[in-house]
Amino acid sequence: MAEFPEIPLGRGKVFIPIGDGTEMMDTLYPIFRLREEGYEPVVSGPEARMYNGVMHEIPPGEGVRWDITREQASYHVRATVAFRDALADDYCGLFLSGGRAPEYLRYDKALLELIRAFFAANKPVAMVCHGVELAAAAGCLKGRTGTTVAKCELDITSFGGTYVDKPCVVDGNLVSGRTWHDNPFFLPPFIRMLNAANPR
């Protein structure tokens, strides 16, 4: 179970929306990296409660091959604020993690309004894997270039954006990666973007 002490960190808060089925490698890595850089990652959900994380992989070396991602239970993460109680003005950046959660969260009107506010204010936004579904549902990808896991390419192109198959794509305030395997490639430019907007 991942619960993080509410220790104020000096460089600002980064908003991280999650729900049941959030991918743990997509979520915990940025939480730890942001804290290391002096940012306060604020995990949010439809309600302020504990959420069930998952692990996604195509298992290697099994007798019967999986052509799609298999989902297994993983760690739990607590959201400390509900979407409806959050204000984009209180945060310096937004991180959209993946997993199954975005498939359901993209219907949450309060969350979509928050995402639009981050984009409208040109604040740094990072998205990985299925996190693209949230930016797409919020209508924020038209005319933008980004990457995501290959099976979500349509979540960019069907919403007026351009898909590029690379470990990291930077387009203005938007930084994107394909999967958690790209964490070392797209997290550094996202952090540099946050640092530029929030100098020590």
Protein backbone atom coordinates (compact mmCIF):
# COMPACT_ATOMS: atom_id res chain seq x y z
CA MET A 1 0.00 0.00 0.00
CA ALA A 2 1.50 3.32 -1.06
CA GLU A 3 0.69 6.19 1.27
CA PHE A 4 2.89 9.24 1.21
CA PRO A 5 3.40 11.67 4.10
CA GLU A 6 1.98 15.10 3.47
CA ILE A 7 5.28 16.94 3.71
CA PRO A 8 5.17 20.30 1.94
CA LEU A 9 7.82 20.46 -0.77
CA GLY A 10 9.01 23.81 -1.96
CA ARG A 11 8.80 23.81 -5.74
CA GLY A 12 5.06 23.43 -6.16
CA LYS A 13 2.40 20.76 -6.51
CA VAL A 14 1.87 18.40 -9.46
CA PHE A 15 -1.62 16.99 -9.96
CA ILE A 16 -1.82 13.23 -10.63
CA PRO A 17 -5.33 11.85 -11.31
CA ILE A 18 -5.82 8.12 -10.76
CA GLY A 19 -8.59 5.58 -10.29
CA ASP A 20 -9.00 1.85 -9.80
CA GLY A 21 -6.86 0.10 -12.38
CA THR A 22 -4.14 2.74 -12.54
CA GLU A 23 -0.85 1.27 -13.81
CA MET A 24 1.64 1.28 -10.97
CA MET A 25 4.82 1.70 -13.03
CA ASP A 26 3.16 4.63 -14.81
CA THR A 27 2.24 6.18 -11.47
CA LEU A 28 4.79 5.42 -8.74
CA TYR A 29 7.88 6.29 -10.77
CA PRO A 30 6.79 9.89 -11.44
CA ILE A 31 5.62 10.26 -7.84
CA PHE A 32 9.09 9.37 -6.58
CA ARG A 33 10.95 11.39 -9.23
CA LEU A 34 8.88 14.50 -8.61
CA ARG A 35 9.49 14.28 -4.86
CA GLU A 36 13.22 13.91 -5.50
CA GLU A 37 13.10 17.17 -7.46
CA GLY A 38 11.31 19.04 -4.66
CA TYR A 39 7.77 18.87 -6.03
CA GLU A 40 4.74 17.70 -4.11
CA PRO A 41 2.88 15.09 -6.15
CA VAL A 42 -0.80 15.27 -5.21
CA VAL A 43 -2.68 12.09 -6.05
CA SER A 44 -6.35 12.69 -6.80
CA GLY A 45 -9.30 10.48 -7.64
CA PRO A 46 -13.08 10.60 -8.05
CA GLU A 47 -13.10 10.38 -4.24
CA ALA A 48 -10.35 10.82 -1.66
CA ARG A 49 -9.75 7.15 -0.83
CA MET A 50 -7.47 4.18 -1.48
CA TYR A 51 -7.33 2.93 -5.08
CA ASN A 52 -6.36 -0.45 -6.53
CA GLY A 53 -3.37 -0.38 -8.84
CA VAL A 54 -2.55 -2.92 -11.54
CA MET A 55 0.46 -4.26 -13.40
CA HIS A 56 0.23 -4.63 -17.17
CA GLU A 57 2.48 -6.83 -19.27
CA ILE A 58 2.49 -9.35 -22.08
CA PRO A 59 3.94 -12.36 -20.23
CA PRO A 60 7.07 -13.83 -21.84
CA GLY A 61 7.73 -17.51 -22.29
CA GLU A 62 4.29 -18.89 -21.48
CA GLY A 63 2.87 -21.95 -23.25
CA VAL A 64 -0.09 -19.99 -24.62
CA ARG A 65 0.91 -16.58 -25.98
CA TRP A 66 -0.99 -13.45 -25.02
CA ASP A 67 -1.58 -11.07 -27.95
CA ILE A 68 -2.92 -8.41 -25.60
CA THR A 69 -1.77 -7.00 -22.30
CA ARG A 70 -2.52 -9.10 -19.24
CA GLU A 71 -3.65 -7.26 -16.12
CA GLN A 72 -2.68 -8.30 -12.59
CA ALA A 73 -3.28 -6.73 -9.20
CA SER A 74 -0.48 -4.53 -7.89
CA TYR A 75 0.03 -1.97 -5.13
CA HIS A 76 -2.58 0.40 -3.74
CA VAL A 77 -2.32 4.20 -3.75
CA ARG A 78 -4.29 6.70 -1.71
CA ALA A 79 -5.81 9.76 -3.35
CA THR A 80 -5.87 12.66 -0.91
CA VAL A 81 -8.22 14.95 -2.83
CA ALA A 82 -11.32 14.41 -4.97
CA PHE A 83 -11.41 15.81 -8.51
CA ARG A 84 -14.36 18.07 -7.66
CA ASP A 85 -12.41 19.71 -4.83
CA ALA A 86 -9.25 20.46 -6.84
CA LEU A 87 -8.35 23.74 -8.53
CA ALA A 88 -5.84 23.84 -11.38
CA ASP A 89 -4.55 27.19 -10.08
CA ASP A 90 -3.13 25.37 -7.04
CA TYR A 91 -0.81 23.23 -9.17
CA CYS A 92 2.21 23.89 -11.36
CA GLY A 93 1.83 20.79 -13.54
CA LEU A 94 -0.24 17.76 -14.50
CA PHE A 95 0.79 14.12 -14.91
CA LEU A 96 -1.61 11.71 -16.68
CA SER A 97 -0.66 8.11 -15.93
CA GLY A 98 -2.03 5.06 -17.70
CA GLY A 99 -3.58 1.69 -16.99
CA ARG A 100 -7.28 0.88 -17.14
CA ALA A 101 -8.30 3.88 -15.03
CA PRO A 102 -8.37 6.50 -17.84
CA GLU A 103 -10.94 4.43 -19.74
CA TYR A 104 -13.40 5.22 -16.93
CA LEU A 105 -12.06 8.54 -15.66
CA ARG A 106 -12.52 10.18 -19.07
CA TYR A 107 -16.24 10.48 -18.29
CA ASP A 108 -15.64 12.48 -15.11
CA LYS A 109 -16.68 16.05 -15.94
CA ALA A 110 -14.79 17.61 -13.04
CA LEU A 111 -11.55 15.96 -14.12
CA LEU A 112 -11.99 16.97 -17.76
CA GLU A 113 -12.50 20.59 -16.70
CA LEU A 114 -9.30 20.43 -14.67
CA ILE A 115 -7.34 19.01 -17.60
CA ARG A 116 -8.64 21.75 -19.90
CA ALA A 117 -7.59 24.36 -17.34
CA PHE A 118 -4.01 23.04 -17.25
CA PHE A 119 -3.76 23.15 -21.04
CA ALA A 120 -5.41 26.58 -21.26
CA ALA A 121 -2.92 27.98 -18.74
CA ASN A 122 -0.03 26.42 -20.71
CA LYS A 123 1.20 24.59 -17.61
CA PRO A 124 3.51 21.58 -18.08
CA VAL A 125 1.54 18.41 -18.83
CA ALA A 126 2.95 14.88 -19.13
CA MET A 127 1.03 11.84 -20.34
CA VAL A 128 2.01 8.21 -20.73
CA CYS A 129 0.30 5.17 -22.22
CA HIS A 130 -3.49 5.24 -21.67
CA GLY A 131 -3.22 8.65 -19.99
CA VAL A 132 -3.68 9.94 -23.54
CA GLU A 133 -7.38 9.01 -23.24
CA LEU A 134 -7.87 11.77 -20.68
CA ALA A 135 -6.23 14.50 -22.76
CA ALA A 136 -8.20 13.30 -25.78
CA ALA A 137 -11.54 13.27 -23.96
CA ALA A 138 -10.85 16.77 -22.67
CA GLY A 139 -10.42 17.96 -26.27
CA CYS A 140 -6.80 19.03 -25.76
CA LEU A 141 -5.02 17.14 -28.55
CA LYS A 142 -6.29 18.90 -31.66
CA GLY A 143 -3.28 20.17 -33.59
CA ARG A 144 -0.88 18.62 -31.07
CA THR A 145 1.83 16.02 -31.62
CA GLY A 146 2.37 13.24 -29.11
CA THR A 147 3.11 9.61 -28.51
CA THR A 148 1.43 6.80 -26.59
CA VAL A 149 1.30 3.04 -26.52
CA ALA A 150 0.74 1.90 -30.11
CA LYS A 151 -2.78 0.55 -29.46
CA CYS A 152 -3.88 4.07 -28.38
CA GLU A 153 -2.64 5.83 -31.54
CA LEU A 154 -6.29 6.52 -32.47
CA ASP A 155 -6.74 8.49 -29.26
CA ILE A 156 -4.39 11.05 -30.79
CA THR A 157 -5.23 10.92 -34.49
CA SER A 158 -9.02 10.64 -34.06
CA PHE A 159 -8.98 13.80 -31.96
CA GLY A 160 -7.08 15.92 -34.46
CA GLY A 161 -3.52 15.26 -33.33
CA THR A 162 -0.43 13.67 -34.85
CA TYR A 163 0.98 10.41 -33.50
CA VAL A 164 4.74 9.75 -33.43
CA ASP A 165 6.22 6.42 -32.32
CA LYS A 166 9.11 7.65 -30.15
CA PRO A 167 10.11 7.26 -26.48
CA CYS A 168 9.49 10.95 -25.89
CA VAL A 169 7.69 13.71 -27.78
CA VAL A 170 7.72 17.32 -26.62
CA ASP A 171 5.14 19.67 -28.15
CA GLY A 172 4.94 23.01 -26.40
CA ASN A 173 3.74 22.38 -22.83
CA LEU A 174 2.96 18.71 -23.58
CA VAL A 175 5.45 15.91 -22.93
CA SER A 176 4.44 12.34 -23.79
CA GLY A 177 5.87 8.84 -23.54
CA ARG A 178 4.63 5.52 -24.91
CA THR A 179 4.71 3.28 -21.83
CA TRP A 180 6.45 3.12 -18.46
CA HIS A 181 9.47 1.71 -20.29
CA ASP A 182 9.98 5.29 -21.54
CA ASN A 183 9.98 6.84 -18.04
CA PRO A 184 13.73 7.71 -18.22
CA PHE A 185 13.18 9.49 -21.54
CA PHE A 186 10.09 11.64 -21.02
CA LEU A 187 10.29 12.40 -17.28
CA PRO A 188 13.52 14.49 -17.58
CA PRO A 189 12.08 16.99 -20.11
CA PHE A 190 8.88 17.22 -18.07
CA ILE A 191 10.91 18.02 -14.95
CA ARG A 192 13.05 20.54 -16.85
CA MET A 193 9.84 22.21 -18.00
CA LEU A 194 8.55 22.35 -14.43
CA ASN A 195 11.89 23.70 -13.20
CA ALA A 196 11.90 26.46 -15.82
CA ALA A 197 8.49 27.60 -14.63
CA ASN A 198 9.32 27.13 -10.92
CA PRO A 199 12.94 28.12 -10.25
CA ARG A 200 14.29 27.54 -6.75
